[in-house]
Protein backbone atom coordinates (compact mmCIF):
# COMPACT_ATOMS: atom_id res chain seq x y z
CA UNK A 1 12.97 32.95 -15.77
CA UNK A 2 12.70 33.16 -11.96
CA UNK A 3 15.49 31.81 -9.75
CA UNK A 4 14.62 31.61 -6.04
CA UNK A 5 15.69 29.84 -2.86
CA UNK A 6 12.80 28.95 -0.53
CA UNK A 7 10.86 31.98 -1.72
CA UNK A 8 8.14 30.51 -3.94
CA UNK A 9 7.87 26.99 -2.51
CA UNK A 10 4.17 27.54 -1.84
CA UNK A 11 1.47 30.17 -2.08
CA UNK A 12 2.34 31.27 -5.62
CA UNK A 13 -0.17 30.56 -8.39
CA UNK A 14 1.16 31.15 -11.93
CA UNK A 15 -0.71 28.54 -14.04
CA UNK A 16 1.29 29.31 -17.19
CA UNK A 17 4.54 27.93 -15.72
CA UNK A 18 5.50 25.02 -17.98
CA UNK A 19 9.08 24.27 -16.92
CA UNK A 20 10.56 23.63 -13.48
CA UNK A 21 14.31 23.43 -12.78
CA UNK A 22 15.61 21.82 -9.59
CA UNK A 23 19.05 23.20 -8.72
CA UNK A 24 19.51 22.20 -5.09
CA UNK A 25 18.64 19.10 -3.01
CA UNK A 26 16.02 18.97 -0.28
CA UNK A 27 15.46 16.15 2.19
CA UNK A 28 11.85 17.21 2.75
CA UNK A 29 9.39 15.38 0.51
CA UNK A 30 6.78 18.01 1.41
CA UNK A 31 8.99 20.84 0.14
CA UNK A 32 9.80 18.81 -2.97
CA UNK A 33 6.11 18.37 -3.78
CA UNK A 34 5.41 22.05 -3.04
CA UNK A 35 8.18 23.14 -5.39
CA UNK A 36 7.00 20.76 -8.09
CA UNK A 37 3.44 21.94 -7.57
CA UNK A 38 4.31 25.44 -8.82
CA UNK A 39 4.25 23.97 -12.33
CA UNK A 40 1.29 21.60 -12.02
CA UNK A 41 -1.45 24.21 -12.46
CA UNK A 42 -3.64 23.80 -15.55
CA UNK A 43 -3.62 26.55 -18.19
CA UNK A 44 -4.89 26.99 -21.75
CA UNK A 45 -2.44 25.78 -24.41
CA UNK A 46 -0.29 24.16 -21.71
CA UNK A 47 0.07 20.50 -22.61
CA UNK A 48 2.53 19.34 -19.97
CA UNK A 49 5.08 20.34 -17.34
CA UNK A 50 8.74 19.76 -18.19
CA UNK A 51 10.91 19.03 -15.15
CA UNK A 52 14.68 19.43 -15.44
CA UNK A 53 16.30 17.97 -12.34
CA UNK A 54 19.97 18.94 -12.21
CA UNK A 55 20.25 17.95 -8.56
CA UNK A 56 19.89 14.23 -9.18
CA UNK A 57 22.68 14.29 -11.74
CA UNK A 58 25.03 16.32 -9.55
CA UNK A 59 24.52 14.45 -6.27
CA UNK A 60 25.25 10.72 -6.30
CA UNK A 61 23.29 10.19 -3.08
CA UNK A 62 20.17 11.95 -4.34
CA UNK A 63 17.20 9.67 -3.61
CA UNK A 64 14.99 9.48 -6.69
CA UNK A 65 13.00 6.61 -5.16
CA UNK A 66 11.68 8.76 -2.31
CA UNK A 67 10.68 11.54 -4.70
CA UNK A 68 8.71 9.22 -6.96
CA UNK A 69 7.07 7.56 -3.96
CA UNK A 70 5.91 10.99 -2.83
CA UNK A 71 4.45 11.56 -6.31
CA UNK A 72 2.60 8.29 -6.80
CA UNK A 73 1.62 7.68 -3.18
CA UNK A 74 1.11 4.28 -1.56
CA UNK A 75 1.12 1.47 -4.12
CA UNK A 76 1.62 -2.29 -4.19
CA UNK A 77 4.40 -2.07 -6.77
CA UNK A 78 7.89 -0.68 -6.37
CA UNK A 79 9.10 2.59 -7.89
CA UNK A 80 11.44 0.55 -10.04
CA UNK A 81 8.43 -1.29 -11.51
CA UNK A 82 6.72 1.95 -12.52
CA UNK A 83 9.87 3.51 -13.96
CA UNK A 84 10.43 0.40 -16.08
CA UNK A 85 6.82 -0.24 -17.11
CA UNK A 86 5.07 3.13 -16.93
CA UNK A 87 3.17 4.94 -14.18
CA UNK A 88 -0.17 3.19 -14.53
CA UNK A 89 -1.50 4.11 -11.08
CA UNK A 90 -1.67 7.89 -11.54
CA UNK A 91 -5.02 9.71 -11.38
CA UNK A 92 -7.06 9.82 -14.57
CA UNK A 93 -5.66 12.34 -17.04
CA UNK A 94 -2.19 12.38 -15.45
CA UNK A 95 0.99 10.87 -16.84
CA UNK A 96 4.73 10.88 -16.24
CA UNK A 97 7.00 10.49 -19.25
CA UNK A 98 10.73 10.00 -18.76
CA UNK A 99 13.31 10.53 -21.48
CA UNK A 100 15.28 7.37 -22.23
CA UNK A 101 18.53 8.65 -20.69
CA UNK A 102 16.73 9.96 -17.61
CA UNK A 103 14.93 6.64 -17.20
CA UNK A 104 18.21 4.71 -17.35
CA UNK A 105 19.88 7.07 -14.89
CA UNK A 106 16.97 6.88 -12.43
CA UNK A 107 16.95 3.09 -12.58
CA UNK A 108 20.68 3.02 -11.79
CA UNK A 109 20.06 5.43 -8.93
CA UNK A 110 17.20 3.37 -7.51
CA UNK A 111 19.26 0.18 -7.67
CA UNK A 112 22.31 1.76 -6.03
CA UNK A 113 20.48 3.73 -3.34
CA UNK A 114 18.31 0.97 -2.04
CA UNK A 115 17.14 1.13 1.53
CA UNK A 116 20.31 -0.26 3.07
CA UNK A 117 20.54 -0.99 6.76
CA UNK A 118 22.92 1.94 7.35
CA UNK A 119 20.73 4.40 5.44
CA UNK A 120 17.64 3.33 7.34
CA UNK A 121 19.38 3.51 10.71
CA UNK A 122 20.63 7.02 9.90
CA UNK A 123 17.04 8.07 9.21
CA UNK A 124 15.83 6.33 12.36
CA UNK A 125 18.44 8.10 14.48
CA UNK A 126 17.13 11.58 13.64
CA UNK A 127 13.52 10.65 12.93
CA UNK A 128 11.91 12.15 16.03
CA UNK A 129 13.97 15.35 15.83
CA UNK A 130 13.20 15.83 12.14
CA UNK A 131 9.51 14.88 12.16
CA UNK A 132 8.36 15.54 15.74
CA UNK A 133 6.75 12.09 15.62
CA UNK A 134 7.37 9.09 17.84
CA UNK A 135 9.67 6.53 16.19
CA UNK A 136 7.27 3.68 15.55
CA UNK A 137 7.39 1.30 12.63
CA UNK A 138 4.14 2.67 11.15
CA UNK A 139 5.22 6.31 11.53
CA UNK A 140 8.58 5.55 9.91
CA UNK A 141 7.07 3.63 6.98
CA UNK A 142 4.39 6.24 6.35
CA UNK A 143 6.74 9.21 6.57
CA UNK A 144 9.24 7.77 4.11
CA UNK A 145 6.62 6.10 1.89
CA UNK A 146 8.14 2.66 2.49
CA UNK A 147 6.54 -0.74 2.33
CA UNK A 148 7.39 -3.51 4.77
CA UNK A 149 9.36 -5.14 1.96
CA UNK A 150 11.34 -1.91 1.45
CA UNK A 151 12.26 -1.66 5.12
CA UNK A 152 13.13 -5.29 5.84
CA UNK A 153 14.91 -5.92 2.53
CA UNK A 154 15.58 -9.24 0.87
CA UNK A 155 18.33 -10.54 3.14
CA UNK A 156 15.99 -11.47 5.98
CA UNK A 157 18.42 -10.28 8.65
CA UNK A 158 16.73 -7.03 9.74
CA UNK A 159 14.39 -6.28 12.59
CA UNK A 160 13.13 -2.90 13.74
CA UNK A 161 13.96 -3.62 17.38
CA UNK A 162 17.54 -4.71 16.65
CA UNK A 163 18.19 -1.76 14.32
CA UNK A 164 17.03 0.62 17.06
CA UNK A 165 19.67 -0.90 19.32
CA UNK A 166 22.33 -0.60 16.62
CA UNK A 167 21.35 3.04 16.01
CA UNK A 168 21.80 3.78 19.72
CA UNK A 169 18.08 4.37 20.27
CA UNK A 170 17.30 1.43 22.57
CA UNK A 171 18.98 -0.81 25.13
CA UNK A 172 20.45 -4.11 24.01
CA UNK A 173 18.57 -7.34 24.72
CA UNK A 174 19.15 -11.10 24.62
CA UNK A 175 17.18 -13.05 22.04
CA UNK A 176 17.84 -16.81 21.67
CA UNK A 177 17.35 -18.05 18.10
CA UNK A 178 17.13 -14.42 16.95
CA UNK A 179 18.69 -14.95 13.52
CA UNK A 180 16.29 -17.73 12.52
CA UNK A 181 13.12 -16.07 13.81
CA UNK A 182 14.06 -12.69 12.32
CA UNK A 183 14.19 -14.34 8.89
CA UNK A 184 10.61 -15.51 9.39
CA UNK A 185 9.18 -12.02 9.99
CA UNK A 186 8.60 -11.68 6.25
CA UNK A 187 5.97 -14.44 6.41
CA UNK A 188 3.66 -11.86 8.00
CA UNK A 189 3.95 -9.16 5.32
CA UNK A 190 1.30 -10.49 2.91
CA UNK A 191 -1.42 -10.98 5.53
CA UNK A 192 -4.68 -9.21 4.65
CA UNK A 193 -7.24 -11.37 6.43
CA UNK A 194 -9.14 -9.23 8.91
CA UNK A 195 -10.08 -12.28 10.96
CA UNK A 196 -6.55 -13.67 11.18
CA UNK A 197 -4.91 -10.31 11.86
CA UNK A 198 -7.43 -9.51 14.59
CA UNK A 199 -6.75 -12.89 16.18
CA UNK A 200 -2.97 -12.28 16.16
CA UNK A 201 -3.44 -8.87 17.80
CA UNK A 202 -5.68 -10.32 20.52
CA UNK A 203 -3.41 -13.30 21.13
CA UNK A 204 -0.28 -11.17 21.47
CA UNK A 205 -2.06 -8.98 24.00
CA UNK A 206 -3.88 -11.70 25.96
CA UNK A 207 -2.31 -15.11 25.11
CA UNK A 208 -5.70 -16.81 25.36
CA UNK A 209 -7.56 -19.19 23.04
CA UNK A 210 -11.36 -19.00 23.09
CA UNK A 211 -12.41 -21.57 20.48
CA UNK A 212 -11.33 -24.43 18.26
CA UNK A 213 -11.18 -22.00 15.33
CA UNK A 214 -8.73 -19.83 17.27
CA UNK A 215 -6.67 -22.97 17.98
CA UNK A 216 -6.36 -23.43 14.22
CA UNK A 217 -5.31 -19.79 13.79
CA UNK A 218 -2.72 -20.24 16.53
CA UNK A 219 -1.30 -23.13 14.52
CA UNK A 220 -1.22 -20.86 11.46
CA UNK A 221 0.70 -18.28 13.47
CA UNK A 222 3.08 -20.91 14.87
CA UNK A 223 3.94 -22.19 11.37
CA UNK A 224 4.52 -18.63 10.26
CA UNK A 225 7.63 -18.62 12.46
CA UNK A 226 8.55 -22.31 12.75
CA UNK A 227 8.99 -24.89 10.03
CA UNK A 228 8.83 -28.03 12.15
CA UNK A 229 6.33 -29.66 14.49
CA UNK A 230 6.65 -28.35 18.09
CA UNK A 231 8.21 -31.60 19.31
CA UNK A 232 10.90 -31.34 16.64
CA UNK A 233 11.56 -27.71 17.68
CA UNK A 234 11.93 -28.72 21.35
CA UNK A 235 8.49 -27.53 22.54
CA UNK A 236 5.73 -29.42 24.28
CA UNK A 237 3.04 -27.66 22.29
CA UNK A 238 2.25 -24.95 19.77
CA UNK A 239 1.52 -22.63 22.69
CA UNK A 240 4.99 -23.33 24.04
CA UNK A 241 6.56 -22.32 20.76
CA UNK A 242 4.65 -19.05 20.65
CA UNK A 243 5.42 -18.33 24.31
CA UNK A 244 9.12 -18.62 23.47
CA UNK A 245 8.76 -15.89 20.82
CA UNK A 246 6.48 -13.59 22.79
CA UNK A 247 8.65 -13.78 25.91
CA UNK A 248 11.07 -11.42 24.14
CA UNK A 249 9.32 -8.11 24.76
CA UNK A 250 11.07 -6.22 21.94
CA UNK A 251 10.24 -8.88 19.33
CA UNK A 252 6.70 -9.20 20.63
CA UNK A 253 6.23 -5.44 20.25
CA UNK A 254 7.61 -5.56 16.71
CA UNK A 255 5.25 -8.33 15.62
CA UNK A 256 2.36 -6.34 17.07
CA UNK A 257 3.47 -3.19 15.23
CA UNK A 258 3.65 -5.10 11.95
CA UNK A 259 0.25 -6.71 12.41
CA UNK A 260 -1.34 -3.41 13.47
CA UNK A 261 0.13 -1.77 10.36
CA UNK A 262 -1.24 -4.54 8.14
CA UNK A 263 -4.66 -4.36 9.80
CA UNK A 264 -4.88 -0.62 9.10
CA UNK A 265 -3.83 -1.25 5.48
CA UNK A 266 -6.53 -3.81 4.60
CA UNK A 267 -8.07 -2.92 1.25
CA UNK A 268 -10.29 -5.90 0.44
CA UNK A 269 -13.61 -7.36 1.53
CA UNK A 270 -12.88 -10.75 3.03
CA UNK A 271 -15.66 -13.31 2.54
CA UNK A 272 -16.61 -16.31 4.65
CA UNK A 273 -15.71 -19.68 3.18
CA UNK A 274 -18.37 -22.34 2.52
CA UNK A 275 -16.30 -25.34 3.59
CA UNK A 276 -18.25 -28.15 5.30
CA UNK A 277 -16.06 -28.01 8.39
CA UNK A 278 -14.58 -25.37 10.68
CA UNK A 279 -11.77 -23.45 8.99
CA UNK A 280 -10.61 -19.84 9.57
CA UNK A 281 -9.54 -19.14 5.97
CA UNK A 282 -11.17 -16.09 4.38
CA UNK A 283 -12.02 -16.11 0.69
CA UNK A 284 -9.83 -13.64 -1.28
CA UNK A 285 -7.30 -13.35 1.57
CA UNK A 286 -3.64 -14.32 1.19
CA UNK A 287 -1.82 -17.15 2.95
CA UNK A 288 1.41 -19.13 2.70
CA UNK A 289 1.24 -22.85 1.97
CA UNK A 290 2.11 -23.65 5.60
CA UNK A 291 -0.62 -21.32 6.90
CA UNK A 292 -3.21 -22.97 4.66
CA UNK A 293 -2.24 -26.48 5.70
CA UNK A 294 -2.16 -25.51 9.38
CA UNK A 295 -5.68 -24.05 9.07
CA UNK A 296 -6.82 -27.47 7.83
CA UNK A 297 -5.34 -29.29 10.81
CA UNK A 298 -2.48 -30.90 8.90
CA UNK A 299 -0.14 -30.14 11.80
CA UNK A 300 -1.95 -32.76 13.93
CA UNK A 301 -0.17 -35.42 11.91
CA UNK A 302 3.01 -34.50 13.80
CA UNK A 303 4.79 -33.38 10.66
CA UNK A 304 5.57 -29.95 9.33
CA UNK A 305 2.71 -28.65 7.12
CA UNK A 306 4.62 -28.69 3.84
CA UNK A 307 4.62 -30.83 0.72
CA UNK A 308 6.15 -30.59 -2.71
CA UNK A 309 3.12 -31.21 -4.91
CA UNK A 310 0.61 -28.58 -5.94
CA UNK A 311 -2.35 -30.68 -4.80
CA UNK A 312 -3.38 -32.17 -1.48
CA UNK A 313 -6.23 -34.55 -0.69
CA UNK A 314 -7.70 -34.28 2.83
CA UNK A 315 -9.62 -37.54 3.24
CA UNK A 316 -11.25 -36.69 6.58
CA UNK A 317 -12.41 -33.28 5.33
CA UNK A 318 -13.61 -34.66 1.94
CA UNK A 319 -11.54 -31.93 0.33
CA UNK A 320 -8.97 -31.45 -2.42
CA UNK A 321 -6.95 -28.24 -2.53
CA UNK A 322 -4.94 -26.97 -5.50
CA UNK A 323 -2.03 -24.52 -5.22
CA UNK A 324 -1.73 -22.79 -8.60
CA UNK A 325 1.10 -20.57 -9.88
CA UNK A 326 -0.12 -18.71 -12.97
CA UNK A 327 3.16 -17.54 -14.47
CA UNK A 328 5.64 -20.38 -14.45
CA UNK A 329 9.21 -20.35 -15.69
CA UNK A 330 11.34 -23.28 -16.73
CA UNK A 331 13.93 -22.20 -14.16
CA UNK A 332 11.48 -22.78 -11.30
CA UNK A 333 9.34 -25.63 -12.64
CA UNK A 334 10.16 -28.86 -14.44
CA UNK A 335 8.64 -29.37 -17.92
CA UNK A 336 6.11 -31.80 -16.42
CA UNK A 337 4.75 -29.11 -14.09
CA UNK A 338 4.43 -26.25 -16.59
CA UNK A 339 0.66 -26.64 -16.67
CA UNK A 340 -1.85 -24.43 -18.45
CA UNK A 341 -3.73 -22.76 -15.59
CA UNK A 342 -5.72 -19.58 -16.24
CA UNK A 343 -9.02 -17.80 -15.68
CA UNK A 344 -11.56 -17.86 -18.51
CA UNK A 345 -13.59 -15.15 -16.78
CA UNK A 346 -14.48 -14.05 -13.24
CA UNK A 347 -16.07 -17.44 -12.49
CA UNK A 348 -14.56 -20.06 -14.79
CA UNK A 349 -11.03 -21.38 -14.28
CA UNK A 350 -9.06 -23.72 -16.55
CA UNK A 351 -6.76 -26.05 -14.62
CA UNK A 352 -4.57 -28.98 -15.61
CA UNK A 353 -3.95 -31.98 -13.40
CA UNK A 354 -0.53 -33.43 -12.73
CA UNK A 355 0.99 -35.04 -15.82
CA UNK A 356 0.37 -38.62 -14.63
CA UNK A 357 -3.39 -38.29 -14.04
CA UNK A 358 -5.46 -40.35 -16.49
CA UNK A 359 -9.07 -39.48 -17.27
CA UNK A 360 -10.29 -42.84 -15.93
CA UNK A 361 -8.15 -42.83 -12.77
CA UNK A 362 -9.46 -42.82 -9.22
CA UNK A 363 -8.17 -39.27 -8.71
CA UNK A 364 -9.86 -37.99 -11.88
CA UNK A 365 -13.17 -39.61 -10.94
CA UNK A 366 -12.96 -37.98 -7.50
CA UNK A 367 -12.62 -34.58 -9.15
CA UNK A 368 -15.39 -35.15 -11.71
CA UNK A 369 -17.94 -36.59 -9.27
CA UNK A 370 -17.02 -34.41 -6.28
CA UNK A 371 -20.37 -32.67 -5.95
CA UNK A 372 -22.39 -35.88 -6.10
CA UNK A 373 -20.18 -37.35 -3.36
CA UNK A 374 -20.28 -34.23 -1.16
CA UNK A 375 -16.60 -33.68 -1.80
CA UNK A 376 -15.22 -30.15 -2.12
CA UNK A 377 -12.56 -28.54 -4.31
CA UNK A 378 -10.70 -25.39 -3.16
CA UNK A 379 -8.38 -23.23 -5.28
CA UNK A 380 -5.40 -21.14 -4.16
CA UNK A 381 -3.73 -18.92 -6.78
CA UNK A 382 -0.67 -16.71 -7.05
CA UNK A 383 0.83 -14.84 -10.00
CA UNK A 384 4.54 -15.67 -9.59
CA UNK A 385 6.49 -18.06 -7.39
CA UNK A 386 8.41 -15.13 -5.92
CA UNK A 387 7.58 -11.45 -5.46
CA UNK A 388 9.53 -8.70 -3.70
CA UNK A 389 12.37 -11.15 -3.22
CA UNK A 390 10.26 -13.56 -1.14
CA UNK A 391 8.19 -16.67 -1.84
CA UNK A 392 4.74 -15.46 -2.88
CA UNK A 393 1.62 -16.26 -0.86
CA UNK A 394 -1.56 -17.64 -2.43
CA UNK A 395 -4.95 -15.95 -2.79
CA UNK A 396 -7.76 -18.21 -1.55
CA UNK A 397 -10.38 -18.23 -4.32
CA UNK A 398 -12.80 -20.38 -2.32
CA UNK A 399 -14.50 -23.56 -3.46
CA UNK A 400 -15.25 -24.51 -7.05
CA UNK A 401 -17.50 -26.95 -8.92
CA UNK A 402 -16.70 -29.21 -11.85
CA UNK A 403 -17.94 -28.04 -15.28
CA UNK A 404 -16.15 -30.15 -17.89
CA UNK A 405 -12.89 -31.89 -18.75
CA UNK A 406 -10.80 -32.98 -21.73
CA UNK A 407 -7.61 -34.86 -22.45
CA UNK A 408 -5.60 -37.23 -20.29
CA UNK A 409 -2.16 -37.22 -18.67
CA UNK A 410 -2.68 -34.38 -17.94
CA UNK A 411 -6.40 -33.74 -17.86
CA UNK A 412 -7.73 -30.24 -18.46
CA UNK A 413 -10.62 -29.36 -16.16
CA UNK A 414 -12.81 -26.26 -16.11
CA UNK A 415 -14.03 -25.24 -12.65
CA UNK A 416 -16.73 -22.74 -11.75
CA UNK A 417 -15.81 -20.65 -8.70
CA UNK A 418 -18.55 -20.18 -6.12
CA UNK A 419 -17.28 -16.65 -5.51
CA UNK A 420 -16.19 -14.32 -8.29
CA UNK A 421 -12.46 -13.83 -8.56
CA UNK A 422 -11.22 -10.46 -7.16
CA UNK A 423 -11.31 -7.84 -9.91
CA UNK A 424 -7.59 -7.05 -9.62
CA UNK A 425 -6.68 -10.70 -10.23
CA UNK A 426 -8.75 -11.29 -13.39
CA UNK A 427 -6.45 -9.49 -15.87
CA UNK A 428 -3.48 -11.38 -14.43
CA UNK A 429 -5.17 -14.77 -14.30
CA UNK A 430 -6.60 -14.77 -17.84
CA UNK A 431 -3.14 -14.24 -19.35
CA UNK A 432 -3.64 -16.96 -21.96
CA UNK A 433 -6.80 -15.47 -23.42
CA UNK A 434 -6.22 -13.40 -26.57
């Protein structure tokens, strides 16, 4: 047994160590990992490392979430998800096993020590002194292993620029309509389209539109922050609405920081769509319903780009689009909308029409004969209606072609995607296949 204080944090290699005891807290995630690392060396007849953390039990404010984030690195799921369901994202051959009582205690800790506004502002206040880094949104998120969802929370009332003011780190500023627009910041968090993000960055910096495609992307950006047509919001144009937002320098800088962070975090290969008309949507990228409809010019009808149904027929574009939620619950959907929608494989997708669609109806015939009539079908899919406390965006799967159908009211149709479904989405989407 060796008891030390800051003596063997690093530089000591005793592979046979099979038990680590933590007896004092440390705010440094680097030191935590170094201390833990003393027991992670491989050795013959050593099956695992047992970690006994007495600090977490003794200190109510001990932050288990930060420690686990340091262990598992940057992931798309929360620490709570991995504690509850297992640490599936660890390197091959690695595992973390929690005793039942420890698991329950950690979950209580994670729930009670969420990233509250006061906790975050306290960290912001001493960030530069503690890290010797400039206090930027990206630096803060990366240092504390936070996601945008972690930082902004579920309430929708936080902004980085306002919290800097409240922490005494920046001068106060006037921001008309601040509460409403701050709530809309979360509509940026899912963006992973290289084309759209690059456009937003360029527009914020230059405020210029170079093409009709960029005009569509400007509409997508406008309806990210506003829910009504510009005239109903008191603006002469979409440009006027965006000028109102970007005239607040602090908010403009925050949007740019968020978009820059998202651009640097892109982890997919966006593909060009094969639509028969100009449209900036990228296949396999994520968008909200309003962003999709704005990209298709729906905003020109002088109405907000929203609708209640999961399908929309664009007559002028010779296009039908389907918004599909894979995992439906009776709390969120009526019995008539609990359709059977799932992937058969990477290319084939089973989809059910609305309950009133008959096999011999005009709508059904349009679907079945779409290719012959140069009509296109586009699919947008999401796993759940809500994720991370926010309404989930949809993944654009691209266009699809009719294969077969069966039944009536509703009809079941099998579509063949023109681009293979992203690999990460297949296990989720084929949930109904045994």
